[in-house]
């Protein structure tokens, strides 16, 4: 059975594929419109597309490779989806409601090899990258969920912050971004898309040189090498100095701001001395950097870490502001469901193993 997904094409790739088979560019534009504007569930529903084109698509592609296994809905409107891929692997996708719109957090890999000592995503090691089609289909599944509710709501923002390291899957993530921001399709503006990396310096430079023009966030989580290496093993290979050189290149090349993500761990990295050290690290980059403080969602398997006390979070924030650094505390979503990234997937895999 053919399992190639139609969502794997960017618009340019779809045009080229159909032209190679003797069909005009206009046919590709019709198909694209049916996929992303009208959002049909089958090729047969594309009722103004020539029958031979529909037959060609049906012969070569499918429109569904993800199946919904679990859907958790939070009191605050957050929805966490657990999807099964065609090969049986499980991934998570999260829909979050904000005042500014509806944001979806997508997964880019099956598992994660970065090895952050506090993270649920890394409990299961990476087995493979997701294809661009599998990443796009996460957005489509969430949009179908919204369409079925009949409220005429649309996904307006995307954060590439789910399971996996996006820059370790650079080509597929780049094609995903080109697909979802295409103005003839979902038309999600580049300023409404954010990619988060744990700090792959060479890929940050490549990202700066790309034409993607979307937002960059970096998972920093510590202001010095000793502490960052203790909680994020990637720092052994790419120390903070090398990472910040890449940040400098990005700031100069893109003329866009960078968000530094900082998960606050009680009595580990959340003291006022850490805040001052972080401010010193940012230094003259103040105008191009925003710090996003993130309250920690505890994970059963990482019991050595706890959420910072509220007064510690506020004190850290206060130091940042007094040092002239643009800073915010992330609003929490889905705290009454499996909030930590990767937690739902990990629990489901354990459950499946018990049953088998």
C-alpha atoms as a PDB file:
ATOM      1  CA  UNK A   1       0.000   0.000   0.000  1.00  0.00           C
ATOM      2  CA  UNK A   2       1.297   3.455  -0.890  1.00  0.00           C
ATOM      3  CA  UNK A   3       1.965   5.597   2.193  1.00  0.00           C
ATOM      4  CA  UNK A   4       3.559   8.689   0.591  1.00  0.00           C
ATOM      5  CA  UNK A   5       1.770  11.751   1.901  1.00  0.00           C
ATOM      6  CA  UNK A   6       0.626  14.588  -0.354  1.00  0.00           C
ATOM      7  CA  UNK A   7       1.528  16.955   2.496  1.00  0.00           C
ATOM      8  CA  UNK A   8       5.205  16.265   1.803  1.00  0.00           C
ATOM      9  CA  UNK A   9       5.234  18.709  -1.109  1.00  0.00           C
ATOM     10  CA  UNK A  10       5.957  22.398  -0.935  1.00  0.00           C
ATOM     11  CA  UNK A  11       3.952  24.290  -3.556  1.00  0.00           C
ATOM     12  CA  UNK A  12       6.965  24.549  -5.853  1.00  0.00           C
ATOM     13  CA  UNK A  13       7.604  20.820  -5.525  1.00  0.00           C
ATOM     14  CA  UNK A  14       3.963  19.986  -6.296  1.00  0.00           C
ATOM     15  CA  UNK A  15       4.028  22.214  -9.366  1.00  0.00           C
ATOM     16  CA  UNK A  16       7.231  20.550 -10.589  1.00  0.00           C
ATOM     17  CA  UNK A  17       5.885  17.035  -9.921  1.00  0.00           C
ATOM     18  CA  UNK A  18       2.689  17.628 -11.917  1.00  0.00           C
ATOM     19  CA  UNK A  19       4.475  19.463 -14.734  1.00  0.00           C
ATOM     20  CA  UNK A  20       6.842  16.502 -15.125  1.00  0.00           C
ATOM     21  CA  UNK A  21       3.719  14.420 -15.772  1.00  0.00           C
ATOM     22  CA  UNK A  22       2.291  16.779 -18.363  1.00  0.00           C
ATOM     23  CA  UNK A  23      -0.034  18.907 -16.217  1.00  0.00           C
ATOM     24  CA  UNK A  24      -0.138  22.689 -16.031  1.00  0.00           C
ATOM     25  CA  UNK A  25       0.885  24.795 -13.057  1.00  0.00           C
ATOM     26  CA  UNK A  26      -2.766  25.808 -12.663  1.00  0.00           C
ATOM     27  CA  UNK A  27      -3.659  22.190 -11.805  1.00  0.00           C
ATOM     28  CA  UNK A  28      -1.155  22.223  -8.942  1.00  0.00           C
ATOM     29  CA  UNK A  29      -2.604  25.505  -7.676  1.00  0.00           C
ATOM     30  CA  UNK A  30      -6.084  23.937  -7.721  1.00  0.00           C
ATOM     31  CA  UNK A  31      -4.878  20.939  -5.716  1.00  0.00           C
ATOM     32  CA  UNK A  32      -3.057  23.196  -3.271  1.00  0.00           C
ATOM     33  CA  UNK A  33      -6.212  25.234  -2.722  1.00  0.00           C
ATOM     34  CA  UNK A  34      -8.245  22.087  -2.023  1.00  0.00           C
ATOM     35  CA  UNK A  35      -5.627  20.840   0.451  1.00  0.00           C
ATOM     36  CA  UNK A  36      -5.073  23.969   2.520  1.00  0.00           C
ATOM     37  CA  UNK A  37      -7.949  26.405   1.913  1.00  0.00           C
ATOM     38  CA  UNK A  38     -10.890  24.056   1.448  1.00  0.00           C
ATOM     39  CA  UNK A  39      -9.188  21.343   3.525  1.00  0.00           C
ATOM     40  CA  UNK A  40     -10.763  18.256   2.003  1.00  0.00           C
ATOM     41  CA  UNK A  41     -10.197  14.790   3.448  1.00  0.00           C
ATOM     42  CA  UNK A  42      -9.905  12.889   0.152  1.00  0.00           C
ATOM     43  CA  UNK A  43      -8.704  13.501  -3.387  1.00  0.00           C
ATOM     44  CA  UNK A  44     -12.148  12.531  -4.664  1.00  0.00           C
ATOM     45  CA  UNK A  45     -13.562  15.657  -2.995  1.00  0.00           C
ATOM     46  CA  UNK A  46     -11.514  17.890  -5.312  1.00  0.00           C
ATOM     47  CA  UNK A  47     -14.486  18.206  -7.627  1.00  0.00           C
ATOM     48  CA  UNK A  48     -13.176  20.821 -10.057  1.00  0.00           C
ATOM     49  CA  UNK A  49      -9.809  19.095 -10.590  1.00  0.00           C
ATOM     50  CA  UNK A  50      -9.501  17.070 -13.803  1.00  0.00           C
ATOM     51  CA  UNK A  51     -10.266  13.357 -13.215  1.00  0.00           C
ATOM     52  CA  UNK A  52      -6.892  12.259 -14.595  1.00  0.00           C
ATOM     53  CA  UNK A  53      -5.114  14.488 -12.047  1.00  0.00           C
ATOM     54  CA  UNK A  54      -7.237  13.108  -9.207  1.00  0.00           C
ATOM     55  CA  UNK A  55      -6.490   9.571 -10.373  1.00  0.00           C
ATOM     56  CA  UNK A  56      -2.770  10.351 -10.509  1.00  0.00           C
ATOM     57  CA  UNK A  57      -2.830  11.688  -6.959  1.00  0.00           C
ATOM     58  CA  UNK A  58      -4.818   8.717  -5.673  1.00  0.00           C
ATOM     59  CA  UNK A  59      -2.348   6.359  -7.315  1.00  0.00           C
ATOM     60  CA  UNK A  60       0.708   7.982  -5.748  1.00  0.00           C
ATOM     61  CA  UNK A  61      -0.313   9.555  -2.444  1.00  0.00           C
ATOM     62  CA  UNK A  62      -2.445   9.349   0.668  1.00  0.00           C
ATOM     63  CA  UNK A  63      -3.897  12.188   2.724  1.00  0.00           C
ATOM     64  CA  UNK A  64      -3.702  10.568   6.150  1.00  0.00           C
ATOM     65  CA  UNK A  65      -0.678   8.946   7.782  1.00  0.00           C
ATOM     66  CA  UNK A  66      -1.392  10.044  11.375  1.00  0.00           C
ATOM     67  CA  UNK A  67      -4.154   8.495  13.468  1.00  0.00           C
ATOM     68  CA  UNK A  68      -5.379  10.007  16.714  1.00  0.00           C
ATOM     69  CA  UNK A  69      -4.719   7.737  19.708  1.00  0.00           C
ATOM     70  CA  UNK A  70      -5.450  10.050  22.650  1.00  0.00           C
ATOM     71  CA  UNK A  71      -6.868  13.551  22.941  1.00  0.00           C
ATOM     72  CA  UNK A  72      -6.610  15.334  26.297  1.00  0.00           C
ATOM     73  CA  UNK A  73      -8.526  18.576  26.793  1.00  0.00           C
ATOM     74  CA  UNK A  74      -7.621  21.027  29.536  1.00  0.00           C
ATOM     75  CA  UNK A  75      -9.936  23.379  31.385  1.00  0.00           C
ATOM     76  CA  UNK A  76      -7.994  26.309  29.906  1.00  0.00           C
ATOM     77  CA  UNK A  77      -8.730  25.161  26.339  1.00  0.00           C
ATOM     78  CA  UNK A  78      -5.401  23.462  25.691  1.00  0.00           C
ATOM     79  CA  UNK A  79      -5.721  20.226  23.686  1.00  0.00           C
ATOM     80  CA  UNK A  80      -2.921  17.654  23.631  1.00  0.00           C
ATOM     81  CA  UNK A  81      -3.005  15.069  20.844  1.00  0.00           C
ATOM     82  CA  UNK A  82      -1.164  11.760  20.783  1.00  0.00           C
ATOM     83  CA  UNK A  83      -0.830  10.590  17.177  1.00  0.00           C
ATOM     84  CA  UNK A  84       0.299   7.232  15.845  1.00  0.00           C
ATOM     85  CA  UNK A  85       2.467   7.360  12.726  1.00  0.00           C
ATOM     86  CA  UNK A  86       2.200   4.869   9.869  1.00  0.00           C
ATOM     87  CA  UNK A  87       5.109   2.872  11.331  1.00  0.00           C
ATOM     88  CA  UNK A  88       3.461   2.652  14.764  1.00  0.00           C
ATOM     89  CA  UNK A  89       5.558   5.317  16.493  1.00  0.00           C
ATOM     90  CA  UNK A  90       3.838   7.884  18.720  1.00  0.00           C
ATOM     91  CA  UNK A  91       4.210  11.670  18.709  1.00  0.00           C
ATOM     92  CA  UNK A  92       2.603  14.604  20.530  1.00  0.00           C
ATOM     93  CA  UNK A  93       1.057  17.808  19.200  1.00  0.00           C
ATOM     94  CA  UNK A  94      -0.453  20.567  21.350  1.00  0.00           C
ATOM     95  CA  UNK A  95      -3.060  23.238  20.610  1.00  0.00           C
ATOM     96  CA  UNK A  96      -2.900  26.269  22.918  1.00  0.00           C
ATOM     97  CA  UNK A  97      -5.309  29.173  23.217  1.00  0.00           C
ATOM     98  CA  UNK A  98      -3.869  32.648  23.664  1.00  0.00           C
ATOM     99  CA  UNK A  99      -5.341  36.133  23.584  1.00  0.00           C
ATOM    100  CA  UNK A 100      -3.495  36.657  20.294  1.00  0.00           C
ATOM    101  CA  UNK A 101      -4.788  33.469  18.635  1.00  0.00           C
ATOM    102  CA  UNK A 102      -4.467  29.709  18.411  1.00  0.00           C
ATOM    103  CA  UNK A 103      -0.960  28.270  18.577  1.00  0.00           C
ATOM    104  CA  UNK A 104       0.140  24.719  17.744  1.00  0.00           C
ATOM    105  CA  UNK A 105       3.316  23.126  19.060  1.00  0.00           C
ATOM    106  CA  UNK A 106       4.624  20.457  16.684  1.00  0.00           C
ATOM    107  CA  UNK A 107       6.997  17.510  17.085  1.00  0.00           C
ATOM    108  CA  UNK A 108       9.889  17.041  14.654  1.00  0.00           C
ATOM    109  CA  UNK A 109      11.479  13.727  15.711  1.00  0.00           C
ATOM    110  CA  UNK A 110      10.458  10.389  17.192  1.00  0.00           C
ATOM    111  CA  UNK A 111      12.282  10.731  20.504  1.00  0.00           C
ATOM    112  CA  UNK A 112      15.191  13.042  21.243  1.00  0.00           C
ATOM    113  CA  UNK A 113      18.944  12.580  21.602  1.00  0.00           C
ATOM    114  CA  UNK A 114      19.814  15.982  23.076  1.00  0.00           C
ATOM    115  CA  UNK A 115      19.615  14.519  26.579  1.00  0.00           C
ATOM    116  CA  UNK A 116      18.481  17.432  28.738  1.00  0.00           C
ATOM    117  CA  UNK A 117      18.379  16.002  32.250  1.00  0.00           C
ATOM    118  CA  UNK A 118      15.057  17.646  33.169  1.00  0.00           C
ATOM    119  CA  UNK A 119      13.074  16.867  30.006  1.00  0.00           C
ATOM    120  CA  UNK A 120      10.370  14.253  29.366  1.00  0.00           C
ATOM    121  CA  UNK A 121      11.008  14.344  25.613  1.00  0.00           C
ATOM    122  CA  UNK A 122      14.396  12.700  26.025  1.00  0.00           C
ATOM    123  CA  UNK A 123      13.135   9.789  28.127  1.00  0.00           C
ATOM    124  CA  UNK A 124      12.914   7.846  24.858  1.00  0.00           C
ATOM    125  CA  UNK A 125      15.855   8.184  22.509  1.00  0.00           C
ATOM    126  CA  UNK A 126      15.456   9.328  18.935  1.00  0.00           C
ATOM    127  CA  UNK A 127      14.559   6.546  16.526  1.00  0.00           C
ATOM    128  CA  UNK A 128      14.073   8.707  13.424  1.00  0.00           C
ATOM    129  CA  UNK A 129      13.311  12.132  12.012  1.00  0.00           C
ATOM    130  CA  UNK A 130       9.774  13.030  11.028  1.00  0.00           C
ATOM    131  CA  UNK A 131       9.210  13.764   7.354  1.00  0.00           C
ATOM    132  CA  UNK A 132       8.031  17.231   6.385  1.00  0.00           C
ATOM    133  CA  UNK A 133       4.669  15.616   5.547  1.00  0.00           C
ATOM    134  CA  UNK A 134       4.303  14.231   9.078  1.00  0.00           C
ATOM    135  CA  UNK A 135       5.023  17.656  10.552  1.00  0.00           C
ATOM    136  CA  UNK A 136       2.569  19.399   8.191  1.00  0.00           C
ATOM    137  CA  UNK A 137      -0.090  16.797   8.913  1.00  0.00           C
ATOM    138  CA  UNK A 138       0.069  17.642  12.628  1.00  0.00           C
ATOM    139  CA  UNK A 139      -1.096  21.155  11.744  1.00  0.00           C
ATOM    140  CA  UNK A 140      -3.784  19.769   9.452  1.00  0.00           C
ATOM    141  CA  UNK A 141      -5.081  17.373  12.119  1.00  0.00           C
ATOM    142  CA  UNK A 142      -5.420  20.234  14.588  1.00  0.00           C
ATOM    143  CA  UNK A 143      -7.094  22.411  11.938  1.00  0.00           C
ATOM    144  CA  UNK A 144      -9.534  19.573  11.143  1.00  0.00           C
ATOM    145  CA  UNK A 145     -10.317  19.398  14.879  1.00  0.00           C
ATOM    146  CA  UNK A 146     -11.129  23.128  14.811  1.00  0.00           C
ATOM    147  CA  UNK A 147     -13.130  22.820  11.581  1.00  0.00           C
ATOM    148  CA  UNK A 148     -15.279  20.068  13.092  1.00  0.00           C
ATOM    149  CA  UNK A 149     -16.110  22.321  16.050  1.00  0.00           C
ATOM    150  CA  UNK A 150     -17.761  24.715  13.588  1.00  0.00           C
ATOM    151  CA  UNK A 151     -16.491  27.933  15.183  1.00  0.00           C
ATOM    152  CA  UNK A 152     -14.555  29.036  12.086  1.00  0.00           C
ATOM    153  CA  UNK A 153     -11.320  29.147  14.073  1.00  0.00           C
ATOM    154  CA  UNK A 154      -7.916  28.830  12.410  1.00  0.00           C
ATOM    155  CA  UNK A 155      -4.444  27.935  13.558  1.00  0.00           C
ATOM    156  CA  UNK A 156      -2.718  31.330  13.637  1.00  0.00           C
ATOM    157  CA  UNK A 157       0.669  30.581  15.219  1.00  0.00           C
ATOM    158  CA  UNK A 158       3.134  27.678  15.195  1.00  0.00           C
ATOM    159  CA  UNK A 159       5.909  26.840  17.638  1.00  0.00           C
ATOM    160  CA  UNK A 160       8.370  24.138  16.627  1.00  0.00           C
ATOM    161  CA  UNK A 161       9.115  23.127  20.211  1.00  0.00           C
ATOM    162  CA  UNK A 162       7.699  19.626  20.586  1.00  0.00           C
ATOM    163  CA  UNK A 163       9.595  16.359  20.888  1.00  0.00           C
ATOM    164  CA  UNK A 164      12.991  16.399  19.165  1.00  0.00           C
ATOM    165  CA  UNK A 165      15.633  18.914  18.085  1.00  0.00           C
ATOM    166  CA  UNK A 166      14.283  20.762  15.022  1.00  0.00           C
ATOM    167  CA  UNK A 167      17.712  21.716  13.702  1.00  0.00           C
ATOM    168  CA  UNK A 168      18.757  18.059  13.790  1.00  0.00           C
ATOM    169  CA  UNK A 169      16.036  17.610  11.140  1.00  0.00           C
ATOM    170  CA  UNK A 170      16.817  20.840   9.317  1.00  0.00           C
ATOM    171  CA  UNK A 171      15.731  20.057   5.740  1.00  0.00           C
ATOM    172  CA  UNK A 172      12.353  18.567   6.666  1.00  0.00           C
ATOM    173  CA  UNK A 173      11.625  21.358   9.145  1.00  0.00           C
ATOM    174  CA  UNK A 174      12.556  23.960   6.521  1.00  0.00           C
ATOM    175  CA  UNK A 175      10.188  22.403   3.964  1.00  0.00           C
ATOM    176  CA  UNK A 176       7.454  22.257   6.603  1.00  0.00           C
ATOM    177  CA  UNK A 177       7.859  25.979   7.245  1.00  0.00           C
ATOM    178  CA  UNK A 178       7.742  26.784   3.521  1.00  0.00           C
ATOM    179  CA  UNK A 179       4.504  24.810   3.228  1.00  0.00           C
ATOM    180  CA  UNK A 180       2.602  26.309   6.174  1.00  0.00           C
ATOM    181  CA  UNK A 181       3.585  29.909   5.439  1.00  0.00           C
ATOM    182  CA  UNK A 182       2.769  29.773   1.740  1.00  0.00           C
ATOM    183  CA  UNK A 183       0.315  32.611   1.093  1.00  0.00           C
ATOM    184  CA  UNK A 184      -1.811  30.480  -1.255  1.00  0.00           C
ATOM    185  CA  UNK A 185      -2.361  27.865   1.452  1.00  0.00           C
ATOM    186  CA  UNK A 186      -2.501  28.095   5.238  1.00  0.00           C
ATOM    187  CA  UNK A 187      -0.799  31.498   4.973  1.00  0.00           C
ATOM    188  CA  UNK A 188       0.626  31.504   8.509  1.00  0.00           C
ATOM    189  CA  UNK A 189       2.902  34.547   8.553  1.00  0.00           C
ATOM    190  CA  UNK A 190       6.619  34.002   9.248  1.00  0.00           C
ATOM    191  CA  UNK A 191       6.471  36.296  12.281  1.00  0.00           C
ATOM    192  CA  UNK A 192       3.903  33.904  13.737  1.00  0.00           C
ATOM    193  CA  UNK A 193       6.200  30.881  13.464  1.00  0.00           C
ATOM    194  CA  UNK A 194       8.958  30.172  16.010  1.00  0.00           C
ATOM    195  CA  UNK A 195      11.601  27.448  15.855  1.00  0.00           C
ATOM    196  CA  UNK A 196      13.333  26.431  19.074  1.00  0.00           C
ATOM    197  CA  UNK A 197      16.778  24.841  19.189  1.00  0.00           C
ATOM    198  CA  UNK A 198      18.891  23.518  22.046  1.00  0.00           C
ATOM    199  CA  UNK A 199      21.823  25.307  20.471  1.00  0.00           C
ATOM    200  CA  UNK A 200      23.199  23.695  17.295  1.00  0.00           C
ATOM    201  CA  UNK A 201      25.490  26.587  16.417  1.00  0.00           C
ATOM    202  CA  UNK A 202      26.202  25.606  12.798  1.00  0.00           C
ATOM    203  CA  UNK A 203      22.494  25.242  12.091  1.00  0.00           C
ATOM    204  CA  UNK A 204      21.734  28.613  13.687  1.00  0.00           C
ATOM    205  CA  UNK A 205      24.126  30.112  11.139  1.00  0.00           C
ATOM    206  CA  UNK A 206      22.484  28.148   8.309  1.00  0.00           C
ATOM    207  CA  UNK A 207      19.087  29.279   9.588  1.00  0.00           C
ATOM    208  CA  UNK A 208      20.253  32.906   9.512  1.00  0.00           C
ATOM    209  CA  UNK A 209      21.343  32.441   5.904  1.00  0.00           C
ATOM    210  CA  UNK A 210      18.044  30.833   4.850  1.00  0.00           C
ATOM    211  CA  UNK A 211      15.023  32.564   3.340  1.00  0.00           C
ATOM    212  CA  UNK A 212      12.648  31.307   6.040  1.00  0.00           C
ATOM    213  CA  UNK A 213      12.475  34.577   8.021  1.00  0.00           C
ATOM    214  CA  UNK A 214      10.727  32.990  11.005  1.00  0.00           C
ATOM    215  CA  UNK A 215      11.465  33.532  14.699  1.00  0.00           C
ATOM    216  CA  UNK A 216      14.314  31.826  16.564  1.00  0.00           C
ATOM    217  CA  UNK A 217      14.268  30.653  20.191  1.00  0.00           C
ATOM    218  CA  UNK A 218      17.214  29.041  21.965  1.00  0.00           C
ATOM    219  CA  UNK A 219      16.914  26.748  24.965  1.00  0.00           C
ATOM    220  CA  UNK A 220      19.656  28.178  27.189  1.00  0.00           C
ATOM    221  CA  UNK A 221      18.530  27.259  30.741  1.00  0.00           C
ATOM    222  CA  UNK A 222      21.846  28.192  32.398  1.00  0.00           C
ATOM    223  CA  UNK A 223      24.170  31.225  32.364  1.00  0.00           C
ATOM    224  CA  UNK A 224      27.522  29.378  32.481  1.00  0.00           C
ATOM    225  CA  UNK A 225      29.185  26.294  31.028  1.00  0.00           C
ATOM    226  CA  UNK A 226      29.510  24.326  34.247  1.00  0.00           C
ATOM    227  CA  UNK A 227      25.807  24.510  35.075  1.00  0.00           C
ATOM    228  CA  UNK A 228      24.602  24.162  31.493  1.00  0.00           C
ATOM    229  CA  UNK A 229      26.758  21.076  30.938  1.00  0.00           C
ATOM    230  CA  UNK A 230      25.306  19.546  34.103  1.00  0.00           C
ATOM    231  CA  UNK A 231      21.710  19.892  32.920  1.00  0.00           C
ATOM    232  CA  UNK A 232      22.194  19.868  29.128  1.00  0.00           C
ATOM    233  CA  UNK A 233      24.817  17.453  27.812  1.00  0.00           C
ATOM    234  CA  UNK A 234      24.867  19.200  24.401  1.00  0.00           C
ATOM    235  CA  UNK A 235      26.899  21.941  26.082  1.00  0.00           C
ATOM    236  CA  UNK A 236      29.897  19.571  26.167  1.00  0.00           C
ATOM    237  CA  UNK A 237      30.024  19.679  22.364  1.00  0.00           C
ATOM    238  CA  UNK A 238      28.788  23.250  21.876  1.00  0.00           C
ATOM    239  CA  UNK A 239      29.738  25.459  24.834  1.00  0.00           C
ATOM    240  CA  UNK A 240      28.038  28.752  25.543  1.00  0.00           C
ATOM    241  CA  UNK A 241      30.790  30.827  23.902  1.00  0.00           C
ATOM    242  CA  UNK A 242      30.304  29.031  20.575  1.00  0.00           C
ATOM    243  CA  UNK A 243      26.542  29.261  20.905  1.00  0.00           C
ATOM    244  CA  UNK A 244      26.625  33.006  21.544  1.00  0.00           C
ATOM    245  CA  UNK A 245      28.918  33.533  18.540  1.00  0.00           C
ATOM    246  CA  UNK A 246      26.201  31.915  16.424  1.00  0.00           C
ATOM    247  CA  UNK A 247      23.623  34.170  18.099  1.00  0.00           C
ATOM    248  CA  UNK A 248      25.725  37.196  17.183  1.00  0.00           C
ATOM    249  CA  UNK A 249      25.874  36.030  13.566  1.00  0.00           C
ATOM    250  CA  UNK A 250      22.097  35.519  13.526  1.00  0.00           C
ATOM    251  CA  UNK A 251      21.397  38.956  15.009  1.00  0.00           C
ATOM    252  CA  UNK A 252      23.664  40.667  12.482  1.00  0.00           C
ATOM    253  CA  UNK A 253      22.470  38.691   9.459  1.00  0.00           C
ATOM    254  CA  UNK A 254      18.724  38.546  10.116  1.00  0.00           C
ATOM    255  CA  UNK A 255      18.172  41.815  11.975  1.00  0.00           C
ATOM    256  CA  UNK A 256      15.623  39.916  14.069  1.00  0.00           C
ATOM    257  CA  UNK A 257      15.449  39.289  17.802  1.00  0.00           C
ATOM    258  CA  UNK A 258      16.286  35.996  19.508  1.00  0.00           C
ATOM    259  CA  UNK A 259      14.361  34.547  22.447  1.00  0.00           C
ATOM    260  CA  UNK A 260      16.452  32.841  25.123  1.00  0.00           C
ATOM    261  CA  UNK A 261      14.333  30.210  26.870  1.00  0.00           C
ATOM    262  CA  UNK A 262      15.169  29.602  30.507  1.00  0.00           C
ATOM    263  CA  UNK A 263      13.422  26.854  32.493  1.00  0.00           C
ATOM    264  CA  UNK A 264      13.580  27.681  36.191  1.00  0.00           C
ATOM    265  CA  UNK A 265      14.620  24.706  38.349  1.00  0.00           C
ATOM    266  CA  UNK A 266      14.342  25.105  42.098  1.00  0.00           C
ATOM    267  CA  UNK A 267      17.704  25.734  43.800  1.00  0.00           C
ATOM    268  CA  UNK A 268      19.540  24.781  40.591  1.00  0.00           C
ATOM    269  CA  UNK A 269      19.505  27.766  38.229  1.00  0.00           C
ATOM    270  CA  UNK A 270      16.929  30.138  39.706  1.00  0.00           C
ATOM    271  CA  UNK A 271      18.892  32.279  42.141  1.00  0.00           C
ATOM    272  CA  UNK A 272      19.498  36.023  41.835  1.00  0.00           C
ATOM    273  CA  UNK A 273      23.170  35.261  41.201  1.00  0.00           C
ATOM    274  CA  UNK A 274      22.147  33.208  38.154  1.00  0.00           C
ATOM    275  CA  UNK A 275      19.988  36.084  36.938  1.00  0.00           C
ATOM    276  CA  UNK A 276      22.880  38.523  37.235  1.00  0.00           C
ATOM    277  CA  UNK A 277      25.185  36.104  35.426  1.00  0.00           C
ATOM    278  CA  UNK A 278      22.622  35.713  32.652  1.00  0.00           C
ATOM    279  CA  UNK A 279      22.357  39.487  32.327  1.00  0.00           C
ATOM    280  CA  UNK A 280      26.154  39.686  32.066  1.00  0.00           C
ATOM    281  CA  UNK A 281      26.173  36.982  29.384  1.00  0.00           C
ATOM    282  CA  UNK A 282      23.594  38.888  27.341  1.00  0.00           C
ATOM    283  CA  UNK A 283      25.626  42.056  27.765  1.00  0.00           C
ATOM    284  CA  UNK A 284      25.518  44.330  24.734  1.00  0.00           C
ATOM    285  CA  UNK A 285      23.022  42.048  22.997  1.00  0.00           C
ATOM    286  CA  UNK A 286      20.183  43.500  25.112  1.00  0.00           C
ATOM    287  CA  UNK A 287      18.488  45.139  22.157  1.00  0.00           C
ATOM    288  CA  UNK A 288      18.275  41.894  20.201  1.00  0.00           C
ATOM    289  CA  UNK A 289      17.433  39.412  22.941  1.00  0.00           C
ATOM    290  CA  UNK A 290      14.300  38.548  24.908  1.00  0.00           C
ATOM    291  CA  UNK A 291      14.395  36.167  27.884  1.00  0.00           C
ATOM    292  CA  UNK A 292      11.436  33.853  28.376  1.00  0.00           C
ATOM    293  CA  UNK A 293      11.313  32.429  31.905  1.00  0.00           C
ATOM    294  CA  UNK A 294       9.531  29.065  32.018  1.00  0.00           C
ATOM    295  CA  UNK A 295       8.084  27.520  35.200  1.00  0.00           C
ATOM    296  CA  UNK A 296       9.100  23.851  35.253  1.00  0.00           C
ATOM    297  CA  UNK A 297       6.539  21.089  34.737  1.00  0.00           C
ATOM    298  CA  UNK A 298       7.769  18.249  36.989  1.00  0.00           C
ATOM    299  CA  UNK A 299       8.430  14.855  35.396  1.00  0.00           C
ATOM    300  CA  UNK A 300       8.162  11.648  37.454  1.00  0.00           C
ATOM    301  CA  UNK A 301      11.403  10.240  36.040  1.00  0.00           C
ATOM    302  CA  UNK A 302      13.345  13.420  36.886  1.00  0.00           C
ATOM    303  CA  UNK A 303      12.479  13.707  40.557  1.00  0.00           C
ATOM    304  CA  UNK A 304      15.707  15.596  41.308  1.00  0.00           C
ATOM    305  CA  UNK A 305      14.111  18.705  39.824  1.00  0.00           C
ATOM    306  CA  UNK A 306      11.228  20.733  41.197  1.00  0.00           C
ATOM    307  CA  UNK A 307       9.396  23.841  40.098  1.00  0.00           C
ATOM    308  CA  UNK A 308      10.878  27.077  41.349  1.00  0.00           C
ATOM    309  CA  UNK A 309       9.059  28.864  44.117  1.00  0.00           C
ATOM    310  CA  UNK A 310       6.876  31.724  42.976  1.00  0.00           C
ATOM    311  CA  UNK A 311       9.002  34.238  44.880  1.00  0.00           C
ATOM    312  CA  UNK A 312      12.141  32.937  43.140  1.00  0.00           C
ATOM    313  CA  UNK A 313      10.538  33.341  39.717  1.00  0.00           C
ATOM    314  CA  UNK A 314       9.480  36.906  40.534  1.00  0.00           C
ATOM    315  CA  UNK A 315      12.916  37.744  41.964  1.00  0.00           C
ATOM    316  CA  UNK A 316      14.659  36.404  38.840  1.00  0.00           C
ATOM    317  CA  UNK A 317      12.295  38.414  36.647  1.00  0.00           C
ATOM    318  CA  UNK A 318      12.929  41.521  38.746  1.00  0.00           C
ATOM    319  CA  UNK A 319      16.717  41.223  38.314  1.00  0.00           C
ATOM    320  CA  UNK A 320      16.302  40.870  34.548  1.00  0.00           C
ATOM    321  CA  UNK A 321      14.146  43.976  34.296  1.00  0.00           C
ATOM    322  CA  UNK A 322      16.467  46.007  36.514  1.00  0.00           C
ATOM    323  CA  UNK A 323      19.365  45.008  34.254  1.00  0.00           C
ATOM    324  CA  UNK A 324      17.473  46.419  31.280  1.00  0.00           C
ATOM    325  CA  UNK A 325      16.677  43.073  29.686  1.00  0.00           C
ATOM    326  CA  UNK A 326      13.376  42.397  27.947  1.00  0.00           C
ATOM    327  CA  UNK A 327      11.914  39.515  29.942  1.00  0.00           C
ATOM    328  CA  UNK A 328       8.634  37.637  30.349  1.00  0.00           C
ATOM    329  CA  UNK A 329       7.300  34.680  32.310  1.00  0.00           C
ATOM    330  CA  UNK A 330       5.622  32.112  30.098  1.00  0.00           C
ATOM    331  CA  UNK A 331       1.928  31.611  30.695  1.00  0.00           C
ATOM    332  CA  UNK A 332       1.197  27.982  31.508  1.00  0.00           C
ATOM    333  CA  UNK A 333      -1.145  25.824  29.476  1.00  0.00           C
ATOM    334  CA  UNK A 334      -2.668  22.427  30.177  1.00  0.00           C
ATOM    335  CA  UNK A 335      -1.446  22.055  33.753  1.00  0.00           C
ATOM    336  CA  UNK A 336      -4.371  19.710  34.517  1.00  0.00           C
ATOM    337  CA  UNK A 337      -3.291  17.278  31.763  1.00  0.00           C
ATOM    338  CA  UNK A 338       0.130  15.771  30.895  1.00  0.00           C
ATOM    339  CA  UNK A 339       1.701  19.201  30.584  1.00  0.00           C
ATOM    340  CA  UNK A 340       5.400  18.421  30.138  1.00  0.00           C
ATOM    341  CA  UNK A 341       6.445  17.865  26.526  1.00  0.00           C
ATOM    342  CA  UNK A 342       6.804  14.139  25.865  1.00  0.00           C
ATOM    343  CA  UNK A 343       4.999  13.085  29.034  1.00  0.00           C
ATOM    344  CA  UNK A 344       1.823  11.807  27.370  1.00  0.00           C
ATOM    345  CA  UNK A 345       3.823   9.805  24.834  1.00  0.00           C
ATOM    346  CA  UNK A 346       6.036   8.283  27.523  1.00  0.00           C
ATOM    347  CA  UNK A 347       3.042   7.271  29.639  1.00  0.00           C
ATOM    348  CA  UNK A 348       1.254   5.703  26.664  1.00  0.00           C
ATOM    349  CA  UNK A 349       4.303   3.641  25.671  1.00  0.00           C
ATOM    350  CA  UNK A 350       4.667   2.366  29.247  1.00  0.00           C
ATOM    351  CA  UNK A 351       0.959   1.514  29.310  1.00  0.00           C
ATOM    352  CA  UNK A 352       1.212  -0.366  26.004  1.00  0.00           C
ATOM    353  CA  UNK A 353       4.178  -2.361  27.311  1.00  0.00           C
ATOM    354  CA  UNK A 354       2.243  -3.346  30.454  1.00  0.00           C
ATOM    355  CA  UNK A 355      -0.712  -4.504  28.387  1.00  0.00           C
ATOM    356  CA  UNK A 356       1.439  -6.541  26.000  1.00  0.00           C
END
